[in-house]
Every structure is written in C-alpha cells, then in structure tokens.
C-alpha cells in the first residue's frame, strides 16, 4: 500500500542544457506544491551539462548521451518507482514515453509539446524510408492521457493533423520563470539596439530578419544570442552583406534579461513557435517586439501598438524598422504589464497542479 499520500509525479527531460522546454519543465517541477505532490525530475543526459540549479525535489541523472541510449535505464527507473503520473517534453522523448505507456497501465502519461508540429515538419529532413520508430512517432499522441499545448495555435494544429481525442488536449501557456525587472531607461539608444534570442536553426528565421536589416537606412546594432546548426550559413550572409560591424554574437549567456533590458526592440523571425519564452521575457523587461506572423502563440502574446507589432512580409518588416525612429512610442511599463498579468508563474503552476489532480482522480 502506498504510504505517501501525495501524488507522485515524474518529470522527464532529455537533458538540462539551455532551452525553453528544459527551463519551463524544471521550473514547474520545483514550484508545484510539495504537500500534494512527490516530485522527481529525471534527466537522461549528463549532470555535468546541467545549466539549471535544481532545488527542493528529487533529481536523477541517468548519465546517458541521448534518449535512445537512455531508454533501458529510464524504463528500469519507471518500473522501480511506479509513479502515478509522468510528464515529458520534446518530440523524440515523447515518442519513447508513448511506447512506455503500453507497459505501465497504472501510470498516467502526459506529453508537453513545444511546437506547432505540422509547420515544424516542413523544416525536418525528408527521408525515403521511415523506421518503425518514426512511423510510431506520428501516432504517439493517442497513447497519452493528456497532451499539453502551449498555445491555441498548437491545440488547433493537433485537432487538424493528429489522431487524438479533443478531450485529451489542454492549453497551458509558459510561465514567467524569473524575477525580471522593468528597465529604468526610457530613451532609445543611439544607435538603436535590436536583439534576437533563438537557436540558429531554419525555423527560427534569422535569414529573413537579416534580409530586412540589410535595407535599414540608419545606424543600428543587432545582438544575436543562441547556438545552432546554421551558424556558419547565417554569418556567411552577414559577412557578404557587410553587416559584421553592426552585429554582436553571444552563443550562450545566463544574463539574457540584461541584454533584453539594454535593447530597444526584439526582432522575431520564426516561421513557427510553441509559445516563445524569449518574447515574453523581452516584454516583461519593457522591450517591445517586431515579429513576422507565424503560428505558435504570437497573436496571443503581442498586442499591436501596446507591446509590439506583427507583420507578414520582409517588406513590411523593413518598413517597420525604417520608421522606428519616428514611430517608437512604446511605454516600458505598459509593455511589461501586458504579459506580467497573464503569464504570472503562480497562475501557470496552479494550472499544472489542477491538471495533475484531475488526471490522477480519473485513474
């Protein structure tokens, strides 16, 4: 008989390297009510790679290089601990957890997806043959008890493109995970400062941001923060476009809020998102957004002329940039308030707690 009357919840992540899913999942794991939940965070990767300081919960590193090599160790851990609920994030891990759900009938399995998958798939490598694992991957969601969507766009995408019951879908936005402060500086920098915080991968759209910046008619400085597979390609374009002296590159930093506070405008180029943490964080410090229209929560976060602007083409993006000096009328406090009231961490954590209780009671 179970002596601990708390609901046992195991959060599973591939690693604790810098990333939105890693930060949000580890944050929620630490913040849910310890009097109601016995929480464990299981990380398949190496403890030496951990970028987040985890406190107050059970933390287990399986010390494996990737999800596939850690599958057996994770299976053994779940068999030993017999959790009431598991929650996992990121596609390939969710596929593995869907397979595991077949063998753990008394455990409830929850998936948290991080992107609008039908759009993201356009950027994936196409193969002539699919493995059994990849074939199963497209049907994985039917094996979960609940799937957390980060935005309404993501939920609608699931309804249209995946074989899953509507009742299994729930929208829970990302929380504000740090104590960000609104910047005190009110005047615009000279030269004006732009910033983007995103992986250097195709779906993040750095190319179309740079295409617009080439046509900007005034002096500026642009900071790019992030690592990724397209770094060489992106910086080759920067060199050929004579933008090198206007751009600073920061592969990784724990001082993102500092860089956001020092900037005047966040540039968002993504073709798809889940629910972009960096945009929320930019707003919370008072730095507004200029974004290309894309699925994944942008229309939920950005209130036109209050905390940013959404455009649909390179031409509109360029026009918005070129008019920034005469049309920059954002109030830092209003920009911050536009997100702080909606994505407060306490509110989001309670939604996770409510979901766990509901799933457990329906066991």
Foldseek 3Di string as FASTA:
>chain_A
DDPLQAAEEEEEEQAQADDDVNLQSLLLQQPFDVNRYQYEYEYADDPVRHPDDHDDHHYHYVHDHGCVVSLVVVLVVCVVPVGQEYEYEDQLNLLSVLVSCVVNVNHAYEYEYKWLPVQVVVQDDDDPDDDPSRVSSQQSQQSHQAYEFQAPLSLVSCVVRYDHDNVRYDYFHGFQRDDFAAAPDDDADVVAEEEEEDAPGDQQAPVLVVVLVLPADDAYAYEYEAYYDCPVVSVVVCVVSVNVVRYDYHHDDPPLLVVLLNHAEYETRGQITRHDPSQLSSLQRQHAYEYEDHDHCPVVQDDPPARYDYDHHSVVSNVCNNCCVVPVDYDSVSSNVSRCVPRHPVVSSVVVVVVSVVSSVVD
